[in-house]
Amino acid sequence: MAARVRKGDRVVVTTGRDKGKTGEVLSVLPKENRLVVQGVNMIKRHTRSTQTQSGGIIEREAPLHLSNVMLADPKTGEATRVGFKTLDDGRKVRVAKRSGEVIDA
């Protein structure tokens, strides 16, 4: 099954405290229906120092639910729904519903 959102995609946050922010998808957790977006949903983690890492307060991204983000349209950068289309050569590609632009290269 082709995924609607993949690692490396640009997404727009539609709800929550980071509403309106855009960022690149760093990782997708399909079993939990969540994804991690760069610079969005930042949390502070208090960590003890280890042999490889110094301790302190580390700020990092926490996973967001898939329903709280939409793919950014490649043409305008606005939030858009995702459709699927089969090309003449038989490839199945993702298409932005807003502009009709093909998302996959």
N, C-alpha and C. Protein backbone atom coordinates (compact mmCIF):
# COMPACT_ATOMS: atom_id res chain seq x y z
N MET A 1 0.84 -1.20 0.00
CA MET A 1 0.00 0.00 0.00
C MET A 1 0.87 1.25 0.00
N ALA A 2 0.55 2.19 -0.83
CA ALA A 2 1.32 3.43 -0.90
C ALA A 2 0.93 4.34 0.27
N ALA A 3 1.92 4.89 0.94
CA ALA A 3 1.68 5.76 2.09
C ALA A 3 1.38 7.18 1.63
N ARG A 4 0.52 7.86 2.32
CA ARG A 4 0.18 9.24 1.98
C ARG A 4 1.29 10.20 2.37
N VAL A 5 1.92 9.96 3.52
CA VAL A 5 3.01 10.82 3.99
C VAL A 5 4.25 9.95 4.18
N ARG A 6 5.37 10.42 3.64
CA ARG A 6 6.62 9.66 3.71
C ARG A 6 7.73 10.53 4.28
N LYS A 7 8.82 9.90 4.69
CA LYS A 7 10.00 10.60 5.19
C LYS A 7 10.52 11.53 4.10
N GLY A 8 10.82 12.76 4.50
CA GLY A 8 11.33 13.74 3.53
C GLY A 8 10.28 14.67 2.97
N ASP A 9 9.00 14.36 3.18
CA ASP A 9 7.92 15.23 2.68
C ASP A 9 7.83 16.51 3.50
N ARG A 10 7.31 17.58 2.88
CA ARG A 10 7.01 18.82 3.61
C ARG A 10 5.54 18.75 4.03
N VAL A 11 5.29 18.98 5.32
CA VAL A 11 3.92 18.94 5.82
C VAL A 11 3.57 20.23 6.55
N VAL A 12 2.28 20.49 6.67
CA VAL A 12 1.75 21.65 7.39
C VAL A 12 0.96 21.12 8.57
N VAL A 13 1.21 21.66 9.78
CA VAL A 13 0.47 21.26 10.97
C VAL A 13 -0.88 21.98 10.96
N THR A 14 -1.98 21.22 11.11
CA THR A 14 -3.32 21.80 10.98
C THR A 14 -3.99 22.08 12.32
N THR A 15 -3.55 21.42 13.40
CA THR A 15 -4.17 21.63 14.71
C THR A 15 -3.11 21.64 15.79
N GLY A 16 -3.51 22.11 16.97
CA GLY A 16 -2.61 22.09 18.12
C GLY A 16 -1.84 23.38 18.28
N ARG A 17 -0.89 23.37 19.21
CA ARG A 17 -0.16 24.59 19.54
C ARG A 17 0.80 25.02 18.42
N ASP A 18 1.16 24.11 17.54
CA ASP A 18 2.07 24.43 16.43
C ASP A 18 1.32 24.62 15.11
N LYS A 19 0.03 24.94 15.18
CA LYS A 19 -0.81 25.10 13.99
C LYS A 19 -0.20 26.13 13.05
N GLY A 20 -0.13 25.76 11.76
CA GLY A 20 0.40 26.66 10.75
C GLY A 20 1.87 26.46 10.45
N LYS A 21 2.60 25.78 11.32
CA LYS A 21 4.02 25.55 11.09
C LYS A 21 4.21 24.49 10.01
N THR A 22 5.28 24.64 9.25
CA THR A 22 5.63 23.64 8.25
C THR A 22 6.99 23.06 8.59
N GLY A 23 7.22 21.84 8.14
CA GLY A 23 8.50 21.20 8.39
C GLY A 23 8.63 19.93 7.59
N GLU A 24 9.84 19.39 7.62
CA GLU A 24 10.13 18.15 6.90
C GLU A 24 9.91 16.96 7.81
N VAL A 25 9.34 15.89 7.27
CA VAL A 25 9.10 14.68 8.04
C VAL A 25 10.44 13.97 8.25
N LEU A 26 10.82 13.78 9.53
CA LEU A 26 12.07 13.11 9.86
C LEU A 26 11.90 11.60 9.92
N SER A 27 10.74 11.15 10.47
CA SER A 27 10.46 9.72 10.53
C SER A 27 8.96 9.49 10.63
N VAL A 28 8.54 8.32 10.16
CA VAL A 28 7.13 7.94 10.20
C VAL A 28 7.01 6.67 11.04
N LEU A 29 6.05 6.63 11.96
CA LEU A 29 5.79 5.47 12.81
C LEU A 29 4.43 4.90 12.42
N PRO A 30 4.37 4.05 11.38
CA PRO A 30 3.08 3.61 10.84
C PRO A 30 2.23 2.79 11.80
N LYS A 31 2.84 2.00 12.69
CA LYS A 31 2.06 1.19 13.62
C LYS A 31 1.32 2.05 14.63
N GLU A 32 1.88 3.24 14.94
CA GLU A 32 1.26 4.14 15.92
C GLU A 32 0.51 5.29 15.24
N ASN A 33 0.49 5.33 13.90
CA ASN A 33 -0.12 6.43 13.13
C ASN A 33 0.45 7.78 13.54
N ARG A 34 1.76 7.85 13.71
CA ARG A 34 2.42 9.08 14.12
C ARG A 34 3.61 9.38 13.23
N LEU A 35 4.07 10.64 13.28
CA LEU A 35 5.26 11.03 12.55
C LEU A 35 5.99 12.11 13.31
N VAL A 36 7.28 12.26 13.03
CA VAL A 36 8.12 13.28 13.67
C VAL A 36 8.44 14.32 12.61
N VAL A 37 8.14 15.60 12.93
CA VAL A 37 8.36 16.70 11.99
C VAL A 37 9.45 17.62 12.55
N GLN A 38 10.38 18.02 11.70
CA GLN A 38 11.50 18.84 12.12
C GLN A 38 11.04 20.20 12.64
N GLY A 39 11.43 20.54 13.88
CA GLY A 39 11.13 21.84 14.48
C GLY A 39 9.71 22.00 15.00
N VAL A 40 8.92 20.91 15.02
CA VAL A 40 7.52 20.98 15.45
C VAL A 40 7.32 20.06 16.66
N ASN A 41 6.46 20.46 17.60
CA ASN A 41 6.14 19.68 18.79
C ASN A 41 7.39 19.41 19.63
N MET A 42 8.14 20.48 19.90
CA MET A 42 9.39 20.37 20.65
C MET A 42 9.09 20.11 22.13
N ILE A 43 9.85 19.17 22.71
CA ILE A 43 9.73 18.86 24.13
C ILE A 43 11.10 18.96 24.78
N LYS A 44 11.12 19.18 26.08
CA LYS A 44 12.37 19.21 26.82
C LYS A 44 12.51 17.89 27.57
N ARG A 45 13.65 17.26 27.43
CA ARG A 45 13.91 15.96 28.07
C ARG A 45 15.08 16.13 29.02
N HIS A 46 14.87 15.85 30.32
CA HIS A 46 15.95 15.91 31.30
C HIS A 46 16.71 14.60 31.25
N THR A 47 18.00 14.67 30.91
CA THR A 47 18.77 13.45 30.75
C THR A 47 19.96 13.42 31.70
N ARG A 48 20.26 12.23 32.17
CA ARG A 48 21.44 12.01 33.00
C ARG A 48 22.62 11.82 32.07
N SER A 49 23.81 12.25 32.49
CA SER A 49 24.97 12.11 31.63
C SER A 49 25.41 10.65 31.54
N THR A 50 25.86 10.25 30.36
CA THR A 50 26.37 8.91 30.12
C THR A 50 27.81 9.04 29.63
N GLN A 51 28.42 7.92 29.26
CA GLN A 51 29.80 7.97 28.77
C GLN A 51 29.91 8.71 27.44
N THR A 52 28.86 8.63 26.64
CA THR A 52 28.91 9.25 25.32
C THR A 52 28.24 10.62 25.26
N GLN A 53 27.37 10.93 26.21
CA GLN A 53 26.55 12.15 26.12
C GLN A 53 26.55 12.88 27.45
N SER A 54 26.67 14.21 27.39
CA SER A 54 26.61 14.99 28.62
C SER A 54 25.16 15.17 29.06
N GLY A 55 24.94 15.32 30.35
CA GLY A 55 23.59 15.46 30.87
C GLY A 55 23.06 16.86 30.70
N GLY A 56 21.81 17.07 31.09
CA GLY A 56 21.19 18.38 31.00
C GLY A 56 19.82 18.29 30.37
N ILE A 57 19.31 19.45 30.00
CA ILE A 57 17.99 19.51 29.39
C ILE A 57 18.17 19.55 27.87
N ILE A 58 17.67 18.51 27.21
CA ILE A 58 17.79 18.39 25.76
C ILE A 58 16.43 18.66 25.14
N GLU A 59 16.41 19.50 24.11
CA GLU A 59 15.15 19.80 23.42
C GLU A 59 15.12 19.00 22.12
N ARG A 60 14.01 18.25 21.90
CA ARG A 60 13.90 17.46 20.68
C ARG A 60 12.45 17.37 20.26
N GLU A 61 12.23 16.83 19.06
CA GLU A 61 10.88 16.71 18.51
C GLU A 61 10.19 15.47 19.06
N ALA A 62 8.90 15.61 19.37
CA ALA A 62 8.08 14.48 19.80
C ALA A 62 7.14 14.11 18.64
N PRO A 63 6.70 12.85 18.57
CA PRO A 63 5.82 12.45 17.47
C PRO A 63 4.46 13.15 17.51
N LEU A 64 3.92 13.43 16.33
CA LEU A 64 2.58 14.01 16.15
C LEU A 64 1.68 12.94 15.54
N HIS A 65 0.38 13.06 15.76
CA HIS A 65 -0.54 12.13 15.12
C HIS A 65 -0.71 12.53 13.66
N LEU A 66 -0.85 11.53 12.80
CA LEU A 66 -0.99 11.78 11.36
C LEU A 66 -2.17 12.67 11.01
N SER A 67 -3.25 12.58 11.81
CA SER A 67 -4.44 13.36 11.51
C SER A 67 -4.24 14.86 11.75
N ASN A 68 -3.16 15.25 12.42
CA ASN A 68 -2.91 16.65 12.73
C ASN A 68 -2.02 17.35 11.70
N VAL A 69 -1.64 16.64 10.65
CA VAL A 69 -0.82 17.25 9.60
C VAL A 69 -1.43 16.97 8.23
N MET A 70 -1.11 17.86 7.27
CA MET A 70 -1.48 17.65 5.88
C MET A 70 -0.25 17.92 5.03
N LEU A 71 -0.16 17.24 3.92
CA LEU A 71 0.96 17.43 3.01
C LEU A 71 0.92 18.84 2.44
N ALA A 72 2.10 19.45 2.27
CA ALA A 72 2.18 20.78 1.66
C ALA A 72 2.17 20.64 0.14
N ASP A 73 1.37 21.46 -0.52
CA ASP A 73 1.29 21.44 -1.98
C ASP A 73 2.65 21.84 -2.56
N PRO A 74 3.21 21.05 -3.50
CA PRO A 74 4.52 21.39 -4.06
C PRO A 74 4.54 22.72 -4.82
N LYS A 75 3.39 23.14 -5.33
CA LYS A 75 3.31 24.38 -6.12
C LYS A 75 3.21 25.61 -5.22
N THR A 76 2.27 25.57 -4.23
CA THR A 76 1.99 26.77 -3.42
C THR A 76 2.48 26.68 -1.99
N GLY A 77 2.69 25.48 -1.46
CA GLY A 77 3.11 25.32 -0.07
C GLY A 77 1.95 25.27 0.90
N GLU A 78 0.71 25.38 0.40
CA GLU A 78 -0.47 25.30 1.26
C GLU A 78 -0.81 23.84 1.55
N ALA A 79 -1.61 23.62 2.60
CA ALA A 79 -2.03 22.27 2.97
C ALA A 79 -2.94 21.70 1.89
N THR A 80 -2.75 20.43 1.57
CA THR A 80 -3.57 19.78 0.55
C THR A 80 -3.81 18.33 0.91
N ARG A 81 -4.91 17.79 0.41
CA ARG A 81 -5.17 16.36 0.55
C ARG A 81 -4.37 15.62 -0.51
N VAL A 82 -4.25 14.31 -0.33
CA VAL A 82 -3.44 13.49 -1.24
C VAL A 82 -4.33 12.52 -1.99
N GLY A 83 -4.14 12.46 -3.29
CA GLY A 83 -4.83 11.48 -4.12
C GLY A 83 -3.79 10.59 -4.79
N PHE A 84 -4.24 9.55 -5.45
CA PHE A 84 -3.34 8.64 -6.15
C PHE A 84 -3.74 8.55 -7.61
N LYS A 85 -2.74 8.38 -8.46
CA LYS A 85 -2.98 8.33 -9.90
C LYS A 85 -1.99 7.33 -10.49
N THR A 86 -2.44 6.55 -11.46
CA THR A 86 -1.55 5.63 -12.15
C THR A 86 -1.10 6.27 -13.46
N LEU A 87 0.21 6.38 -13.64
CA LEU A 87 0.75 6.98 -14.85
C LEU A 87 0.70 5.99 -16.02
N ASP A 88 1.02 6.49 -17.21
CA ASP A 88 0.98 5.65 -18.41
C ASP A 88 1.97 4.49 -18.34
N ASP A 89 3.11 4.71 -17.65
CA ASP A 89 4.10 3.64 -17.55
C ASP A 89 3.79 2.64 -16.43
N GLY A 90 2.63 2.79 -15.75
CA GLY A 90 2.20 1.83 -14.74
C GLY A 90 2.57 2.19 -13.31
N ARG A 91 3.31 3.30 -13.12
CA ARG A 91 3.69 3.70 -11.77
C ARG A 91 2.51 4.36 -11.06
N LYS A 92 2.35 4.08 -9.76
CA LYS A 92 1.32 4.71 -8.94
C LYS A 92 1.98 5.86 -8.19
N VAL A 93 1.49 7.07 -8.40
CA VAL A 93 2.11 8.25 -7.79
C VAL A 93 1.09 9.02 -6.95
N ARG A 94 1.61 9.79 -6.00
CA ARG A 94 0.75 10.66 -5.18
C ARG A 94 0.53 11.98 -5.91
N VAL A 95 -0.68 12.51 -5.78
CA VAL A 95 -1.06 13.74 -6.46
C VAL A 95 -1.68 14.69 -5.45
N ALA A 96 -1.31 15.98 -5.51
CA ALA A 96 -1.90 17.00 -4.65
C ALA A 96 -3.29 17.33 -5.18
N LYS A 97 -4.32 17.19 -4.34
CA LYS A 97 -5.70 17.45 -4.77
C LYS A 97 -5.92 18.93 -5.10
N ARG A 98 -5.20 19.83 -4.41
CA ARG A 98 -5.41 21.26 -4.57
C ARG A 98 -4.97 21.75 -5.95
N SER A 99 -3.77 21.31 -6.39
CA SER A 99 -3.23 21.81 -7.65
C SER A 99 -3.16 20.75 -8.76
N GLY A 100 -3.30 19.48 -8.39
CA GLY A 100 -3.17 18.42 -9.37
C GLY A 100 -1.73 18.05 -9.67
N GLU A 101 -0.79 18.67 -8.95
CA GLU A 101 0.65 18.45 -9.15
C GLU A 101 1.06 17.06 -8.64
N VAL A 102 1.94 16.38 -9.37
CA VAL A 102 2.46 15.08 -8.94
C VAL A 102 3.50 15.32 -7.84
N ILE A 103 3.36 14.62 -6.70
CA ILE A 103 4.25 14.81 -5.55
C ILE A 103 5.51 13.98 -5.70
N ASP A 104 5.37 12.73 -6.14
CA ASP A 104 6.53 11.85 -6.29
C ASP A 104 7.32 12.22 -7.55
N ALA A 105 8.63 12.22 -7.42
CA ALA A 105 9.48 12.59 -8.56
C ALA A 105 9.64 11.43 -9.53
